[in-house]
Amino acid sequence: MNKQLDMSNLMQDFFAAFPIDVNAFQDASKNSVVLGEKLTSVALNAAEKSAEISNIWTKQTLAKLNDLSKNPVEPSDYSKSLTDFASAQAEVAAENIAAYAEVAKKVQMDTVEVMMAAGKDLSEEASEAMKTATATPKPATKPAK
């Protein structure tokens, strides 16, 4: 038999035989895209803030290195310069690590907020789908063509 199957019609007939609402899949796809956009926004904002912190930290370190590069004449002055640099770096490191922790905390809070909103939306949609499904019963089978 040399009959060519029309896959489009075959798939339409296949899915038409099941009592499902295709709009639910489309809505789920749209919701997935929206959720992805929100989570991407959270991640990109965190990356931007982290880059700013790194940039500031680098500038501070380079400024302190510039001070350190000025060669003192006395060995005791050189030792003091190294001690001052190490002390300043420890302070700057503590400040910047705290700033990174704030970024991480904000990412965590924003992510939880986005996921809670998505869960609420999903729950509402599922409830609405159940109401619709029970209000308008459909035949379990479709006659064959």
C-alpha atoms as a PDB file:
ATOM      1  CA  MET A   1       0.000   0.000   0.000  1.00  0.00           C
ATOM      2  CA  ASN A   2       1.398   3.313  -1.059  1.00  0.00           C
ATOM      3  CA  LYS A   3      -0.808   5.513   1.080  1.00  0.00           C
ATOM      4  CA  GLN A   4       0.990   8.391   2.613  1.00  0.00           C
ATOM      5  CA  LEU A   5      -0.121   9.282   6.100  1.00  0.00           C
ATOM      6  CA  ASP A   6      -0.944  12.842   6.871  1.00  0.00           C
ATOM      7  CA  MET A   7       0.848  13.128  10.221  1.00  0.00           C
ATOM      8  CA  SER A   8      -0.887  16.372  11.103  1.00  0.00           C
ATOM      9  CA  ASN A   9      -4.356  14.827  10.785  1.00  0.00           C
ATOM     10  CA  LEU A  10      -3.180  11.664  12.485  1.00  0.00           C
ATOM     11  CA  MET A  11      -1.906  13.607  15.504  1.00  0.00           C
ATOM     12  CA  GLN A  12      -5.047  15.742  15.651  1.00  0.00           C
ATOM     13  CA  ASP A  13      -7.215  12.633  15.605  1.00  0.00           C
ATOM     14  CA  PHE A  14      -5.012  10.992  18.223  1.00  0.00           C
ATOM     15  CA  PHE A  15      -5.261  13.905  20.663  1.00  0.00           C
ATOM     16  CA  ALA A  16      -8.941  14.488  19.880  1.00  0.00           C
ATOM     17  CA  ALA A  17      -9.620  10.970  21.169  1.00  0.00           C
ATOM     18  CA  PHE A  18      -8.524  12.022  24.657  1.00  0.00           C
ATOM     19  CA  PRO A  19     -10.758  14.260  26.758  1.00  0.00           C
ATOM     20  CA  ILE A  20      -8.099  16.851  27.545  1.00  0.00           C
ATOM     21  CA  ASP A  21      -8.035  20.591  27.385  1.00  0.00           C
ATOM     22  CA  VAL A  22      -5.185  21.731  25.141  1.00  0.00           C
ATOM     23  CA  ASN A  23      -5.537  25.236  26.546  1.00  0.00           C
ATOM     24  CA  ALA A  24      -4.276  23.923  29.868  1.00  0.00           C
ATOM     25  CA  PHE A  25      -1.013  22.885  28.196  1.00  0.00           C
ATOM     26  CA  GLN A  26      -0.724  26.257  26.488  1.00  0.00           C
ATOM     27  CA  ASP A  27      -1.367  28.056  29.775  1.00  0.00           C
ATOM     28  CA  ALA A  28       1.205  25.882  31.528  1.00  0.00           C
ATOM     29  CA  SER A  29       3.729  26.700  28.820  1.00  0.00           C
ATOM     30  CA  LYS A  30       3.045  30.430  29.143  1.00  0.00           C
ATOM     31  CA  ASN A  31       3.305  30.230  32.938  1.00  0.00           C
ATOM     32  CA  SER A  32       6.581  28.369  32.623  1.00  0.00           C
ATOM     33  CA  VAL A  33       7.960  31.128  30.408  1.00  0.00           C
ATOM     34  CA  VAL A  34       6.842  33.828  32.853  1.00  0.00           C
ATOM     35  CA  LEU A  35       8.382  31.943  35.777  1.00  0.00           C
ATOM     36  CA  GLY A  36      11.621  31.562  33.816  1.00  0.00           C
ATOM     37  CA  GLU A  37      11.685  35.290  33.078  1.00  0.00           C
ATOM     38  CA  LYS A  38      11.195  36.176  36.740  1.00  0.00           C
ATOM     39  CA  LEU A  39      13.889  33.771  37.945  1.00  0.00           C
ATOM     40  CA  THR A  40      16.263  34.973  35.230  1.00  0.00           C
ATOM     41  CA  SER A  41      15.678  38.547  36.361  1.00  0.00           C
ATOM     42  CA  VAL A  42      16.531  37.591  39.944  1.00  0.00           C
ATOM     43  CA  ALA A  43      19.719  35.829  38.803  1.00  0.00           C
ATOM     44  CA  LEU A  44      20.831  38.662  36.527  1.00  0.00           C
ATOM     45  CA  ASN A  45      20.261  41.283  39.220  1.00  0.00           C
ATOM     46  CA  ALA A  46      22.362  39.226  41.621  1.00  0.00           C
ATOM     47  CA  ALA A  47      25.102  38.833  39.023  1.00  0.00           C
ATOM     48  CA  GLU A  48      25.102  42.580  38.401  1.00  0.00           C
ATOM     49  CA  LYS A  49      25.369  43.376  42.117  1.00  0.00           C
ATOM     50  CA  SER A  50      28.129  40.782  42.556  1.00  0.00           C
ATOM     51  CA  ALA A  51      30.061  42.308  39.658  1.00  0.00           C
ATOM     52  CA  GLU A  52      29.738  45.744  41.249  1.00  0.00           C
ATOM     53  CA  ILE A  53      31.063  44.398  44.560  1.00  0.00           C
ATOM     54  CA  SER A  54      33.978  42.713  42.785  1.00  0.00           C
ATOM     55  CA  ASN A  55      34.758  45.895  40.880  1.00  0.00           C
ATOM     56  CA  ILE A  56      34.796  48.003  44.043  1.00  0.00           C
ATOM     57  CA  TRP A  57      36.896  45.405  45.861  1.00  0.00           C
ATOM     58  CA  THR A  58      39.402  45.319  43.013  1.00  0.00           C
ATOM     59  CA  LYS A  59      39.688  49.126  42.932  1.00  0.00           C
ATOM     60  CA  GLN A  60      40.230  49.239  46.693  1.00  0.00           C
ATOM     61  CA  THR A  61      42.895  46.541  46.502  1.00  0.00           C
ATOM     62  CA  LEU A  62      44.696  48.274  43.651  1.00  0.00           C
ATOM     63  CA  ALA A  63      44.687  51.576  45.544  1.00  0.00           C
ATOM     64  CA  LYS A  64      46.209  49.869  48.589  1.00  0.00           C
ATOM     65  CA  LEU A  65      48.777  48.138  46.374  1.00  0.00           C
ATOM     66  CA  ASN A  66      49.713  51.517  44.956  1.00  0.00           C
ATOM     67  CA  ASP A  67      50.353  52.751  48.486  1.00  0.00           C
ATOM     68  CA  LEU A  68      52.368  49.610  49.209  1.00  0.00           C
ATOM     69  CA  SER A  69      54.469  50.033  46.067  1.00  0.00           C
ATOM     70  CA  LYS A  70      55.987  53.247  47.394  1.00  0.00           C
ATOM     71  CA  ASN A  71      59.237  51.880  48.703  1.00  0.00           C
ATOM     72  CA  PRO A  72      60.090  53.089  52.174  1.00  0.00           C
ATOM     73  CA  VAL A  73      63.713  53.634  53.015  1.00  0.00           C
ATOM     74  CA  GLU A  74      63.758  51.998  56.432  1.00  0.00           C
ATOM     75  CA  PRO A  75      63.043  48.253  56.847  1.00  0.00           C
ATOM     76  CA  SER A  76      60.753  48.996  59.777  1.00  0.00           C
ATOM     77  CA  ASP A  77      58.693  51.309  57.525  1.00  0.00           C
ATOM     78  CA  TYR A  78      58.437  48.536  54.947  1.00  0.00           C
ATOM     79  CA  SER A  79      57.187  46.154  57.623  1.00  0.00           C
ATOM     80  CA  LYS A  80      54.641  48.738  58.743  1.00  0.00           C
ATOM     81  CA  SER A  81      53.445  49.186  55.133  1.00  0.00           C
ATOM     82  CA  LEU A  82      52.907  45.441  54.769  1.00  0.00           C
ATOM     83  CA  THR A  83      51.084  45.277  58.086  1.00  0.00           C
ATOM     84  CA  ASP A  84      48.857  48.224  57.121  1.00  0.00           C
ATOM     85  CA  PHE A  85      48.110  46.622  53.744  1.00  0.00           C
ATOM     86  CA  ALA A  86      47.223  43.272  55.316  1.00  0.00           C
ATOM     87  CA  SER A  87      45.042  44.968  57.909  1.00  0.00           C
ATOM     88  CA  ALA A  88      43.244  47.048  55.261  1.00  0.00           C
ATOM     89  CA  GLN A  89      42.714  43.958  53.094  1.00  0.00           C
ATOM     90  CA  ALA A  90      41.211  42.034  55.994  1.00  0.00           C
ATOM     91  CA  GLU A  91      38.796  44.901  56.652  1.00  0.00           C
ATOM     92  CA  VAL A  92      37.864  45.261  52.980  1.00  0.00           C
ATOM     93  CA  ALA A  93      37.423  41.496  52.647  1.00  0.00           C
ATOM     94  CA  ALA A  94      35.054  41.413  55.615  1.00  0.00           C
ATOM     95  CA  GLU A  95      32.987  44.287  54.185  1.00  0.00           C
ATOM     96  CA  ASN A  96      32.773  42.733  50.737  1.00  0.00           C
ATOM     97  CA  ILE A  97      31.943  39.262  51.991  1.00  0.00           C
ATOM     98  CA  ALA A  98      29.125  40.838  54.008  1.00  0.00           C
ATOM     99  CA  ALA A  99      27.956  42.584  50.820  1.00  0.00           C
ATOM    100  CA  TYR A 100      27.991  39.244  48.957  1.00  0.00           C
ATOM    101  CA  ALA A 101      25.988  37.712  51.801  1.00  0.00           C
ATOM    102  CA  GLU A 102      23.376  40.475  51.436  1.00  0.00           C
ATOM    103  CA  VAL A 103      23.125  39.758  47.701  1.00  0.00           C
ATOM    104  CA  ALA A 104      22.689  36.040  48.417  1.00  0.00           C
ATOM    105  CA  LYS A 105      20.044  36.783  51.042  1.00  0.00           C
ATOM    106  CA  LYS A 106      18.128  39.007  48.612  1.00  0.00           C
ATOM    107  CA  VAL A 107      18.328  36.335  45.898  1.00  0.00           C
ATOM    108  CA  GLN A 108      16.971  33.775  48.338  1.00  0.00           C
ATOM    109  CA  MET A 109      14.092  36.035  49.404  1.00  0.00           C
ATOM    110  CA  ASP A 110      13.241  37.017  45.822  1.00  0.00           C
ATOM    111  CA  THR A 111      13.341  33.393  44.671  1.00  0.00           C
ATOM    112  CA  VAL A 112      11.049  32.285  47.482  1.00  0.00           C
ATOM    113  CA  GLU A 113       8.680  35.140  46.638  1.00  0.00           C
ATOM    114  CA  VAL A 114       8.589  34.180  42.943  1.00  0.00           C
ATOM    115  CA  MET A 115       8.091  30.498  43.740  1.00  0.00           C
ATOM    116  CA  MET A 116       5.334  31.228  46.266  1.00  0.00           C
ATOM    117  CA  ALA A 117       3.510  33.383  43.708  1.00  0.00           C
ATOM    118  CA  ALA A 118       3.923  30.652  41.090  1.00  0.00           C
ATOM    119  CA  GLY A 119       2.596  28.036  43.520  1.00  0.00           C
ATOM    120  CA  LYS A 120      -0.393  30.228  44.330  1.00  0.00           C
ATOM    121  CA  ASP A 121      -1.113  30.773  40.626  1.00  0.00           C
ATOM    122  CA  LEU A 122      -0.768  27.058  39.943  1.00  0.00           C
ATOM    123  CA  SER A 123      -3.117  26.212  42.789  1.00  0.00           C
ATOM    124  CA  GLU A 124      -5.701  28.700  41.527  1.00  0.00           C
ATOM    125  CA  GLU A 125      -5.429  27.360  37.979  1.00  0.00           C
ATOM    126  CA  ALA A 126      -5.754  23.769  39.139  1.00  0.00           C
ATOM    127  CA  SER A 127      -8.819  24.677  41.193  1.00  0.00           C
ATOM    128  CA  GLU A 128     -10.367  26.463  38.215  1.00  0.00           C
ATOM    129  CA  ALA A 129      -9.567  23.520  35.938  1.00  0.00           C
ATOM    130  CA  MET A 130     -11.253  21.125  38.354  1.00  0.00           C
ATOM    131  CA  LYS A 131     -14.330  23.340  38.533  1.00  0.00           C
ATOM    132  CA  THR A 132     -14.471  23.502  34.742  1.00  0.00           C
ATOM    133  CA  ALA A 133     -13.902  19.768  34.367  1.00  0.00           C
ATOM    134  CA  THR A 134     -16.672  18.874  36.793  1.00  0.00           C
ATOM    135  CA  ALA A 135     -19.091  21.483  35.460  1.00  0.00           C
ATOM    136  CA  THR A 136     -18.884  20.406  31.832  1.00  0.00           C
ATOM    137  CA  PRO A 137     -18.532  16.646  31.561  1.00  0.00           C
ATOM    138  CA  LYS A 138     -17.241  15.379  28.238  1.00  0.00           C
ATOM    139  CA  PRO A 139     -17.731  11.980  26.707  1.00  0.00           C
ATOM    140  CA  ALA A 140     -14.952   9.575  27.559  1.00  0.00           C
ATOM    141  CA  THR A 141     -14.545   8.398  23.996  1.00  0.00           C
ATOM    142  CA  LYS A 142     -14.936   9.952  20.601  1.00  0.00           C
ATOM    143  CA  PRO A 143     -16.418   7.930  17.783  1.00  0.00           C
ATOM    144  CA  ALA A 144     -13.849   6.706  15.249  1.00  0.00           C
ATOM    145  CA  LYS A 145     -13.870   8.303  11.832  1.00  0.00           C
END
